C-alpha atoms as a PDB file:
ATOM      1  CA  MET A   1       0.000   0.000   0.000  1.00  0.00           C
ATOM      2  CA  PRO A   2       1.512   3.360  -1.009  1.00  0.00           C
ATOM      3  CA  VAL A   3       1.845   6.433   1.174  1.00  0.00           C
ATOM      4  CA  ASP A   4      -1.493   8.198   1.669  1.00  0.00           C
ATOM      5  CA  PRO A   5      -1.944  10.856  -1.082  1.00  0.00           C
ATOM      6  CA  GLU A   6      -3.051  13.418   1.506  1.00  0.00           C
ATOM      7  CA  LEU A   7       0.214  12.877   3.374  1.00  0.00           C
ATOM      8  CA  LEU A   8       2.201  13.245   0.138  1.00  0.00           C
ATOM      9  CA  ASP A   9       0.590  16.649  -0.392  1.00  0.00           C
ATOM     10  CA  ILE A  10       2.220  18.000   2.784  1.00  0.00           C
ATOM     11  CA  LEU A  11       5.540  16.118   2.906  1.00  0.00           C
ATOM     12  CA  VAL A  12       8.660  18.066   1.942  1.00  0.00           C
ATOM     13  CA  CYS A  13      12.371  17.333   2.036  1.00  0.00           C
ATOM     14  CA  PRO A  14      13.748  18.473   5.413  1.00  0.00           C
ATOM     15  CA  GLU A  15      16.876  19.811   3.661  1.00  0.00           C
ATOM     16  CA  CYS A  16      15.414  21.663   0.650  1.00  0.00           C
ATOM     17  CA  HIS A  17      11.771  22.136   1.637  1.00  0.00           C
ATOM     18  CA  VAL A  18      10.679  20.833  -1.791  1.00  0.00           C
ATOM     19  CA  SER A  19       7.797  18.379  -2.250  1.00  0.00           C
ATOM     20  CA  VAL A  20       8.888  14.734  -2.486  1.00  0.00           C
ATOM     21  CA  GLN A  21       7.674  12.170  -5.020  1.00  0.00           C
ATOM     22  CA  PRO A  22       7.249   8.384  -4.640  1.00  0.00           C
ATOM     23  CA  VAL A  23       9.924   6.175  -6.251  1.00  0.00           C
ATOM     24  CA  HIS A  24      10.829   2.485  -6.304  1.00  0.00           C
ATOM     25  CA  GLU A  25       7.169   1.396  -6.336  1.00  0.00           C
ATOM     26  CA  GLY A  26       6.436   3.408  -3.179  1.00  0.00           C
ATOM     27  CA  ALA A  27       9.447   2.146  -1.194  1.00  0.00           C
ATOM     28  CA  GLY A  28      10.949   5.642  -1.084  1.00  0.00           C
ATOM     29  CA  LEU A  29      10.227   9.340  -1.474  1.00  0.00           C
ATOM     30  CA  LYS A  30      12.641  11.378  -3.593  1.00  0.00           C
ATOM     31  CA  CYS A  31      13.431  15.068  -3.496  1.00  0.00           C
ATOM     32  CA  PRO A  32      13.934  16.333  -7.063  1.00  0.00           C
ATOM     33  CA  LYS A  33      16.265  19.118  -5.919  1.00  0.00           C
ATOM     34  CA  CYS A  34      18.870  17.342  -3.749  1.00  0.00           C
ATOM     35  CA  ARG A  35      18.104  13.798  -5.045  1.00  0.00           C
ATOM     36  CA  ARG A  36      17.785  12.352  -1.533  1.00  0.00           C
ATOM     37  CA  VAL A  37      15.524   9.314  -1.250  1.00  0.00           C
ATOM     38  CA  TYR A  38      13.803   8.845   2.092  1.00  0.00           C
ATOM     39  CA  PRO A  39      12.741   5.284   2.930  1.00  0.00           C
ATOM     40  CA  VAL A  40       9.144   4.283   3.541  1.00  0.00           C
ATOM     41  CA  GLY A  41       8.787   1.718   6.329  1.00  0.00           C
ATOM     42  CA  ASP A  42       6.758  -1.486   6.241  1.00  0.00           C
ATOM     43  CA  ASP A  43       3.895   0.339   7.918  1.00  0.00           C
ATOM     44  CA  ASN A  44       3.875   2.931   5.054  1.00  0.00           C
ATOM     45  CA  ILE A  45       5.279   5.676   7.264  1.00  0.00           C
ATOM     46  CA  PRO A  46       8.026   7.720   5.594  1.00  0.00           C
ATOM     47  CA  VAL A  47      11.266   8.202   7.526  1.00  0.00           C
ATOM     48  CA  MET A  48      12.033  11.847   6.749  1.00  0.00           C
ATOM     49  CA  LEU A  49      15.423  12.023   8.483  1.00  0.00           C
ATOM     50  CA  LEU A  50      18.537  13.257   6.676  1.00  0.00           C
ATOM     51  CA  ASP A  51      20.624  10.486   8.273  1.00  0.00           C
ATOM     52  CA  GLU A  52      18.310   7.812   6.819  1.00  0.00           C
ATOM     53  CA  ALA A  53      18.208   9.242   3.280  1.00  0.00           C
ATOM     54  CA  LYS A  54      20.387   8.090   0.392  1.00  0.00           C
ATOM     55  CA  VAL A  55      21.422  10.319  -2.493  1.00  0.00           C
ATOM     56  CA  GLU A  56      20.600   8.903  -5.937  1.00  0.00           C
ATOM     57  CA  ASP A  57      21.265  10.123  -9.459  1.00  0.00           C
END
């Protein structure tokens, strides 16, 4: 089950303050500006911590 669309409307990258978009079939949320991908846990709760994010191309 993907992240709730209402939650996606308010989630932003904690570094850039830009809206994030789902990637990897909902397993992560990516910031288009800094390219950080924040993981989404098994319970569909995003982990929006800089230390947990990975930078992707």
